[in-house]
Amino acid sequence: MTNQIPYSSQTSTHLTVSPAISEQQTDLLVQTIALAADDKKAADITILNIANVSYVADYLVIATGFSKTQLRAIAETIEEKVAQNCLQKPLRVEGRTDASWILQDYGDVIVHLFLPEEREFYNLEAFWGHAERIEFSPIESL
């Protein structure tokens, strides 16, 4: 189903807008990302619901890796699992070369993978302190 938006008040031309992904699809995306990070032993996986406080995305998934190699492996596993389970690729990926902070943008969900020093320095949880924190437990997610 698509929505029609008037292109101009002077013409009857309409633009076709694709509907946003459903809440259920977004929930699956968030869980897939968190589980994929957990599969590669990411630490302190945090999910923040920012939908009510920002238009940038609906969720942030933040995780820590302890080496650049581990961060790259976490990012790669997230991309593989999301492609398999959600049929999505990230819209953009930043930081893979340096690998001290890797950002994966999936539209409704933005993933931040940090080395411990960078995570502590940028402290996104404090910046988004007014966002709802979603508990993640891999056992409950199975």
N, C-alpha and C. Protein backbone atom coordinates (compact mmCIF):
# COMPACT_ATOMS: atom_id res chain seq x y z
N MET A 1 0.84 -1.17 0.00
CA MET A 1 0.00 0.00 0.00
C MET A 1 0.89 1.23 0.00
N THR A 2 0.61 2.18 -0.82
CA THR A 2 1.37 3.43 -0.86
C THR A 2 0.45 4.60 -0.64
N ASN A 3 1.02 5.67 -0.14
CA ASN A 3 0.26 6.88 0.09
C ASN A 3 0.50 7.85 -1.06
N GLN A 4 -0.50 8.59 -1.42
CA GLN A 4 -0.37 9.61 -2.46
C GLN A 4 -0.27 10.97 -1.78
N ILE A 5 0.76 11.72 -2.14
CA ILE A 5 0.94 13.06 -1.60
C ILE A 5 0.84 14.04 -2.74
N PRO A 6 0.02 15.07 -2.60
CA PRO A 6 -0.08 16.06 -3.69
C PRO A 6 1.27 16.70 -3.96
N TYR A 7 1.65 16.75 -5.21
CA TYR A 7 2.93 17.34 -5.62
C TYR A 7 2.81 18.86 -5.68
N SER A 8 1.69 19.33 -6.10
CA SER A 8 1.49 20.77 -6.21
C SER A 8 0.00 21.04 -6.08
N SER A 9 -0.33 22.15 -5.47
CA SER A 9 -1.75 22.49 -5.34
C SER A 9 -2.34 22.91 -6.68
N GLN A 10 -1.46 23.19 -7.67
CA GLN A 10 -1.94 23.65 -8.96
C GLN A 10 -2.11 22.52 -9.97
N THR A 11 -1.61 21.35 -9.63
CA THR A 11 -1.73 20.22 -10.55
C THR A 11 -2.29 19.02 -9.81
N SER A 12 -2.64 18.02 -10.55
CA SER A 12 -3.14 16.80 -9.92
C SER A 12 -2.05 15.73 -9.85
N THR A 13 -0.80 16.09 -10.12
CA THR A 13 0.30 15.14 -10.07
C THR A 13 0.55 14.71 -8.63
N HIS A 14 0.86 13.44 -8.41
CA HIS A 14 1.11 12.90 -7.08
C HIS A 14 2.46 12.19 -7.06
N LEU A 15 3.12 12.27 -5.92
CA LEU A 15 4.32 11.48 -5.69
C LEU A 15 3.92 10.24 -4.93
N THR A 16 4.54 9.11 -5.24
CA THR A 16 4.29 7.88 -4.52
C THR A 16 5.35 7.73 -3.44
N VAL A 17 4.90 7.53 -2.21
CA VAL A 17 5.80 7.39 -1.08
C VAL A 17 5.69 5.98 -0.54
N SER A 18 6.83 5.31 -0.39
CA SER A 18 6.82 3.96 0.18
C SER A 18 6.53 4.05 1.66
N PRO A 19 5.75 3.12 2.19
CA PRO A 19 5.47 3.16 3.62
C PRO A 19 6.71 2.79 4.41
N ALA A 20 6.81 3.31 5.63
CA ALA A 20 7.93 2.96 6.51
C ALA A 20 7.81 1.49 6.90
N ILE A 21 8.95 0.91 7.29
CA ILE A 21 8.87 -0.49 7.70
C ILE A 21 8.04 -0.58 8.97
N SER A 22 7.41 -1.71 9.15
CA SER A 22 6.50 -1.87 10.28
C SER A 22 7.25 -1.96 11.60
N GLU A 23 6.52 -1.74 12.66
CA GLU A 23 7.09 -1.83 14.00
C GLU A 23 7.62 -3.24 14.25
N GLN A 24 6.91 -4.24 13.75
CA GLN A 24 7.34 -5.63 13.91
C GLN A 24 8.66 -5.88 13.16
N GLN A 25 8.80 -5.31 11.97
CA GLN A 25 10.05 -5.46 11.22
C GLN A 25 11.20 -4.74 11.92
N THR A 26 10.91 -3.58 12.50
CA THR A 26 11.93 -2.85 13.23
C THR A 26 12.37 -3.63 14.46
N ASP A 27 11.41 -4.23 15.18
CA ASP A 27 11.74 -5.05 16.35
C ASP A 27 12.63 -6.23 15.95
N LEU A 28 12.31 -6.88 14.82
CA LEU A 28 13.13 -7.99 14.33
C LEU A 28 14.53 -7.50 13.98
N LEU A 29 14.63 -6.33 13.37
CA LEU A 29 15.92 -5.76 13.01
C LEU A 29 16.76 -5.50 14.26
N VAL A 30 16.17 -4.90 15.27
CA VAL A 30 16.88 -4.61 16.51
C VAL A 30 17.37 -5.90 17.17
N GLN A 31 16.49 -6.88 17.27
CA GLN A 31 16.87 -8.15 17.90
C GLN A 31 17.95 -8.86 17.09
N THR A 32 17.86 -8.84 15.78
CA THR A 32 18.86 -9.47 14.93
C THR A 32 20.22 -8.82 15.13
N ILE A 33 20.24 -7.51 15.18
CA ILE A 33 21.49 -6.78 15.38
C ILE A 33 22.10 -7.13 16.75
N ALA A 34 21.29 -7.07 17.79
CA ALA A 34 21.79 -7.35 19.14
C ALA A 34 22.30 -8.78 19.26
N LEU A 35 21.56 -9.74 18.71
CA LEU A 35 21.99 -11.14 18.77
C LEU A 35 23.26 -11.38 17.97
N ALA A 36 23.38 -10.73 16.82
CA ALA A 36 24.58 -10.87 15.99
C ALA A 36 25.79 -10.32 16.74
N ALA A 37 25.64 -9.19 17.39
CA ALA A 37 26.73 -8.61 18.18
C ALA A 37 27.10 -9.55 19.32
N ASP A 38 26.09 -10.11 19.97
CA ASP A 38 26.33 -11.05 21.07
C ASP A 38 27.05 -12.31 20.57
N ASP A 39 26.71 -12.77 19.37
CA ASP A 39 27.38 -13.94 18.79
C ASP A 39 28.89 -13.75 18.68
N LYS A 40 29.33 -12.52 18.47
CA LYS A 40 30.76 -12.21 18.35
C LYS A 40 31.33 -11.64 19.65
N LYS A 41 30.63 -11.93 20.75
CA LYS A 41 31.09 -11.58 22.09
C LYS A 41 31.21 -10.08 22.35
N ALA A 42 30.35 -9.29 21.72
CA ALA A 42 30.30 -7.86 22.05
C ALA A 42 29.87 -7.72 23.50
N ALA A 43 30.38 -6.71 24.16
CA ALA A 43 30.06 -6.48 25.56
C ALA A 43 29.11 -5.30 25.71
N ASP A 44 28.40 -5.29 26.82
CA ASP A 44 27.55 -4.16 27.20
C ASP A 44 26.65 -3.70 26.05
N ILE A 45 25.90 -4.64 25.50
CA ILE A 45 24.97 -4.32 24.40
C ILE A 45 23.80 -3.53 24.98
N THR A 46 23.63 -2.33 24.47
CA THR A 46 22.59 -1.42 24.96
C THR A 46 21.68 -1.04 23.80
N ILE A 47 20.37 -1.09 24.06
CA ILE A 47 19.38 -0.70 23.06
C ILE A 47 18.63 0.50 23.62
N LEU A 48 18.62 1.58 22.86
CA LEU A 48 17.90 2.79 23.26
C LEU A 48 16.79 3.08 22.27
N ASN A 49 15.59 3.27 22.77
CA ASN A 49 14.45 3.68 21.94
C ASN A 49 14.45 5.20 21.92
N ILE A 50 14.84 5.76 20.78
CA ILE A 50 14.93 7.23 20.67
C ILE A 50 13.79 7.81 19.83
N ALA A 51 12.82 6.99 19.48
CA ALA A 51 11.73 7.42 18.59
C ALA A 51 10.98 8.64 19.11
N ASN A 52 10.82 8.73 20.42
CA ASN A 52 10.05 9.85 20.99
C ASN A 52 10.88 11.10 21.24
N VAL A 53 12.19 10.99 21.05
CA VAL A 53 13.06 12.13 21.34
C VAL A 53 13.89 12.59 20.14
N SER A 54 13.78 11.89 19.02
CA SER A 54 14.57 12.25 17.84
C SER A 54 13.89 11.73 16.58
N TYR A 55 14.12 12.43 15.50
CA TYR A 55 13.62 11.98 14.21
C TYR A 55 14.70 11.24 13.43
N VAL A 56 15.91 11.15 13.96
CA VAL A 56 17.05 10.54 13.28
C VAL A 56 16.81 9.05 13.05
N ALA A 57 16.29 8.36 14.04
CA ALA A 57 16.05 6.91 13.98
C ALA A 57 15.06 6.55 15.08
N ASP A 58 14.66 5.29 15.10
CA ASP A 58 13.81 4.81 16.19
C ASP A 58 14.63 4.20 17.32
N TYR A 59 15.73 3.52 16.95
CA TYR A 59 16.56 2.83 17.94
C TYR A 59 18.04 3.05 17.69
N LEU A 60 18.80 3.03 18.78
CA LEU A 60 20.25 2.94 18.72
C LEU A 60 20.63 1.62 19.38
N VAL A 61 21.54 0.89 18.76
CA VAL A 61 22.12 -0.29 19.38
C VAL A 61 23.60 0.05 19.57
N ILE A 62 24.06 -0.01 20.81
CA ILE A 62 25.42 0.36 21.15
C ILE A 62 26.10 -0.86 21.76
N ALA A 63 27.33 -1.15 21.31
CA ALA A 63 28.05 -2.31 21.84
C ALA A 63 29.55 -2.03 21.85
N THR A 64 30.26 -2.79 22.68
CA THR A 64 31.69 -2.64 22.82
C THR A 64 32.40 -3.89 22.33
N GLY A 65 33.50 -3.67 21.61
CA GLY A 65 34.43 -4.74 21.23
C GLY A 65 35.79 -4.37 21.79
N PHE A 66 36.65 -5.36 21.95
CA PHE A 66 37.90 -5.12 22.66
C PHE A 66 39.13 -5.05 21.75
N SER A 67 38.91 -5.14 20.46
CA SER A 67 40.00 -4.94 19.50
C SER A 67 39.38 -4.48 18.18
N LYS A 68 40.20 -3.91 17.33
CA LYS A 68 39.72 -3.48 16.02
C LYS A 68 39.26 -4.68 15.20
N THR A 69 39.97 -5.79 15.34
CA THR A 69 39.59 -7.02 14.63
C THR A 69 38.22 -7.50 15.10
N GLN A 70 37.99 -7.48 16.41
CA GLN A 70 36.69 -7.89 16.92
C GLN A 70 35.58 -6.95 16.45
N LEU A 71 35.82 -5.64 16.47
CA LEU A 71 34.81 -4.69 15.99
C LEU A 71 34.43 -4.96 14.54
N ARG A 72 35.43 -5.20 13.70
CA ARG A 72 35.15 -5.52 12.29
C ARG A 72 34.34 -6.80 12.18
N ALA A 73 34.69 -7.81 12.98
CA ALA A 73 33.95 -9.08 12.95
C ALA A 73 32.51 -8.89 13.41
N ILE A 74 32.30 -8.09 14.43
CA ILE A 74 30.93 -7.81 14.90
C ILE A 74 30.14 -7.13 13.79
N ALA A 75 30.73 -6.11 13.17
CA ALA A 75 30.06 -5.38 12.10
C ALA A 75 29.72 -6.30 10.94
N GLU A 76 30.65 -7.14 10.56
CA GLU A 76 30.41 -8.07 9.44
C GLU A 76 29.30 -9.07 9.77
N THR A 77 29.31 -9.58 10.99
CA THR A 77 28.27 -10.54 11.39
C THR A 77 26.91 -9.87 11.43
N ILE A 78 26.85 -8.64 11.91
CA ILE A 78 25.58 -7.90 11.91
C ILE A 78 25.06 -7.78 10.48
N GLU A 79 25.92 -7.37 9.56
CA GLU A 79 25.49 -7.21 8.17
C GLU A 79 25.01 -8.53 7.57
N GLU A 80 25.70 -9.63 7.87
CA GLU A 80 25.29 -10.94 7.34
C GLU A 80 23.95 -11.38 7.91
N LYS A 81 23.79 -11.27 9.24
CA LYS A 81 22.54 -11.72 9.89
C LYS A 81 21.35 -10.85 9.48
N VAL A 82 21.56 -9.55 9.37
CA VAL A 82 20.47 -8.66 8.96
C VAL A 82 20.08 -8.96 7.51
N ALA A 83 21.06 -9.22 6.66
CA ALA A 83 20.75 -9.57 5.26
C ALA A 83 19.94 -10.87 5.21
N GLN A 84 20.29 -11.84 6.02
CA GLN A 84 19.58 -13.13 6.04
C GLN A 84 18.18 -13.00 6.64
N ASN A 85 18.09 -12.37 7.81
CA ASN A 85 16.82 -12.35 8.55
C ASN A 85 15.88 -11.23 8.16
N CYS A 86 16.42 -10.10 7.74
CA CYS A 86 15.60 -8.91 7.49
C CYS A 86 15.65 -8.44 6.04
N LEU A 87 16.48 -9.09 5.23
CA LEU A 87 16.64 -8.74 3.82
C LEU A 87 17.00 -7.27 3.64
N GLN A 88 17.91 -6.77 4.48
CA GLN A 88 18.33 -5.38 4.43
C GLN A 88 19.84 -5.29 4.43
N LYS A 89 20.34 -4.25 3.77
CA LYS A 89 21.74 -3.88 3.85
C LYS A 89 21.79 -2.52 4.53
N PRO A 90 22.90 -2.19 5.17
CA PRO A 90 22.96 -0.85 5.77
C PRO A 90 22.93 0.23 4.70
N LEU A 91 22.29 1.33 5.00
CA LEU A 91 22.26 2.47 4.09
C LEU A 91 23.65 3.06 3.94
N ARG A 92 24.41 3.05 5.03
CA ARG A 92 25.80 3.51 5.01
C ARG A 92 26.52 2.91 6.20
N VAL A 93 27.83 2.79 6.03
CA VAL A 93 28.71 2.30 7.10
C VAL A 93 29.89 3.26 7.18
N GLU A 94 30.24 3.66 8.38
CA GLU A 94 31.37 4.56 8.60
C GLU A 94 32.31 3.95 9.62
N GLY A 95 33.60 4.21 9.46
CA GLY A 95 34.58 3.85 10.47
C GLY A 95 35.19 2.47 10.38
N ARG A 96 34.85 1.71 9.35
CA ARG A 96 35.37 0.35 9.26
C ARG A 96 36.90 0.33 9.11
N THR A 97 37.47 1.30 8.41
CA THR A 97 38.91 1.32 8.19
C THR A 97 39.67 1.53 9.49
N ASP A 98 39.32 2.56 10.24
CA ASP A 98 39.99 2.82 11.52
C ASP A 98 39.55 1.82 12.59
N ALA A 99 38.28 1.49 12.59
CA ALA A 99 37.68 0.47 13.47
C ALA A 99 37.84 0.75 14.96
N SER A 100 37.77 2.01 15.35
CA SER A 100 37.68 2.29 16.78
C SER A 100 36.24 2.66 17.13
N TRP A 101 35.49 3.08 16.11
CA TRP A 101 34.05 3.34 16.23
C TRP A 101 33.46 3.06 14.86
N ILE A 102 32.65 2.03 14.77
CA ILE A 102 32.00 1.68 13.51
C ILE A 102 30.52 2.01 13.65
N LEU A 103 30.00 2.75 12.68
CA LEU A 103 28.59 3.11 12.66
C LEU A 103 27.94 2.44 11.47
N GLN A 104 26.82 1.76 11.70
CA GLN A 104 26.02 1.14 10.64
C GLN A 104 24.62 1.76 10.69
N ASP A 105 24.21 2.35 9.60
CA ASP A 105 22.91 3.03 9.53
C ASP A 105 21.93 2.16 8.76
N TYR A 106 20.92 1.66 9.48
CA TYR A 106 19.86 0.86 8.86
C TYR A 106 18.56 1.65 8.76
N GLY A 107 18.64 2.96 8.80
CA GLY A 107 17.44 3.79 8.71
C GLY A 107 16.77 3.94 10.06
N ASP A 108 15.90 3.02 10.40
CA ASP A 108 15.20 3.08 11.67
C ASP A 108 16.08 2.68 12.85
N VAL A 109 17.19 2.01 12.56
CA VAL A 109 18.10 1.54 13.61
C VAL A 109 19.53 1.94 13.24
N ILE A 110 20.22 2.57 14.18
CA ILE A 110 21.61 2.95 13.98
C ILE A 110 22.45 2.18 14.99
N VAL A 111 23.51 1.54 14.48
CA VAL A 111 24.38 0.71 15.30
C VAL A 111 25.69 1.47 15.54
N HIS A 112 26.13 1.50 16.80
CA HIS A 112 27.40 2.10 17.17
C HIS A 112 28.24 1.01 17.84
N LEU A 113 29.37 0.67 17.23
CA LEU A 113 30.28 -0.32 17.78
C LEU A 113 31.56 0.42 18.18
N PHE A 114 31.94 0.30 19.44
CA PHE A 114 33.05 1.08 19.98
C PHE A 114 34.13 0.20 20.60
N LEU A 115 35.37 0.69 20.57
CA LEU A 115 36.39 0.22 21.49
C LEU A 115 36.07 0.84 22.84
N PRO A 116 36.50 0.24 23.95
CA PRO A 116 36.10 0.76 25.28
C PRO A 116 36.43 2.24 25.50
N GLU A 117 37.62 2.69 25.06
CA GLU A 117 38.00 4.09 25.30
C GLU A 117 37.07 5.05 24.55
N GLU A 118 36.73 4.71 23.32
CA GLU A 118 35.85 5.58 22.53
C GLU A 118 34.44 5.59 23.11
N ARG A 119 33.98 4.43 23.55
CA ARG A 119 32.63 4.38 24.13
C ARG A 119 32.55 5.25 25.38
N GLU A 120 33.57 5.16 26.20
CA GLU A 120 33.59 5.97 27.41
C GLU A 120 33.68 7.46 27.07
N PHE A 121 34.51 7.80 26.09
CA PHE A 121 34.70 9.20 25.72
C PHE A 121 33.42 9.82 25.15
N TYR A 122 32.78 9.13 24.20
CA TYR A 122 31.59 9.69 23.54
C TYR A 122 30.34 9.54 24.39
N ASN A 123 30.27 8.51 25.21
CA ASN A 123 29.20 8.31 26.19
C ASN A 123 27.80 8.59 25.63
N LEU A 124 27.46 7.87 24.57
CA LEU A 124 26.16 8.08 23.93
C LEU A 124 24.98 7.81 24.85
N GLU A 125 25.16 6.90 25.79
CA GLU A 125 24.07 6.61 26.73
C GLU A 125 23.72 7.85 27.55
N ALA A 126 24.71 8.64 27.93
CA ALA A 126 24.44 9.87 28.68
C ALA A 126 23.81 10.92 27.77
N PHE A 127 24.34 11.03 26.55
CA PHE A 127 23.79 11.99 25.60
C PHE A 127 22.31 11.71 25.33
N TRP A 128 21.97 10.43 25.19
CA TRP A 128 20.59 10.01 24.95
C TRP A 128 19.94 9.53 26.25
N GLY A 129 20.35 10.11 27.38
CA GLY A 129 19.86 9.69 28.69
C GLY A 129 18.35 9.78 28.86
N HIS A 130 17.70 10.61 28.09
CA HIS A 130 16.24 10.77 28.18
C HIS A 130 15.50 9.75 27.31
N ALA A 131 16.25 8.89 26.60
CA ALA A 131 15.63 7.85 25.77
C ALA A 131 15.31 6.62 26.62
N GLU A 132 14.33 5.87 26.18
CA GLU A 132 13.96 4.64 26.88
C GLU A 132 15.02 3.57 26.62
N ARG A 133 15.49 2.97 27.69
CA ARG A 133 16.48 1.88 27.59
C ARG A 133 15.74 0.55 27.52
N ILE A 134 16.05 -0.24 26.50
CA ILE A 134 15.42 -1.55 26.29
C ILE A 134 16.39 -2.62 26.78
N GLU A 135 15.93 -3.47 27.67
CA GLU A 135 16.78 -4.54 28.19
C GLU A 135 17.03 -5.57 27.12
N PHE A 136 18.28 -6.01 27.00
CA PHE A 136 18.63 -7.06 26.07
C PHE A 136 19.22 -8.23 26.84
N SER A 137 18.63 -9.38 26.64
CA SER A 137 19.15 -10.61 27.21
C SER A 137 19.09 -11.67 26.12
N PRO A 138 20.24 -12.18 25.68
CA PRO A 138 20.22 -13.14 24.58
C PRO A 138 19.40 -14.39 24.89
N ILE A 139 19.32 -14.78 26.15
CA ILE A 139 18.54 -15.97 26.52
C ILE A 139 17.06 -15.72 26.26
N GLU A 140 16.57 -14.53 26.63
CA GLU A 140 15.16 -14.18 26.42
C GLU A 140 14.85 -14.00 24.95
N SER A 141 15.86 -13.66 24.13
CA SER A 141 15.65 -13.35 22.73
C SER A 141 15.55 -14.60 21.85
N LEU A 142 15.90 -15.75 22.41
CA LEU A 142 15.89 -16.97 21.60
C LEU A 142 14.50 -17.47 21.31
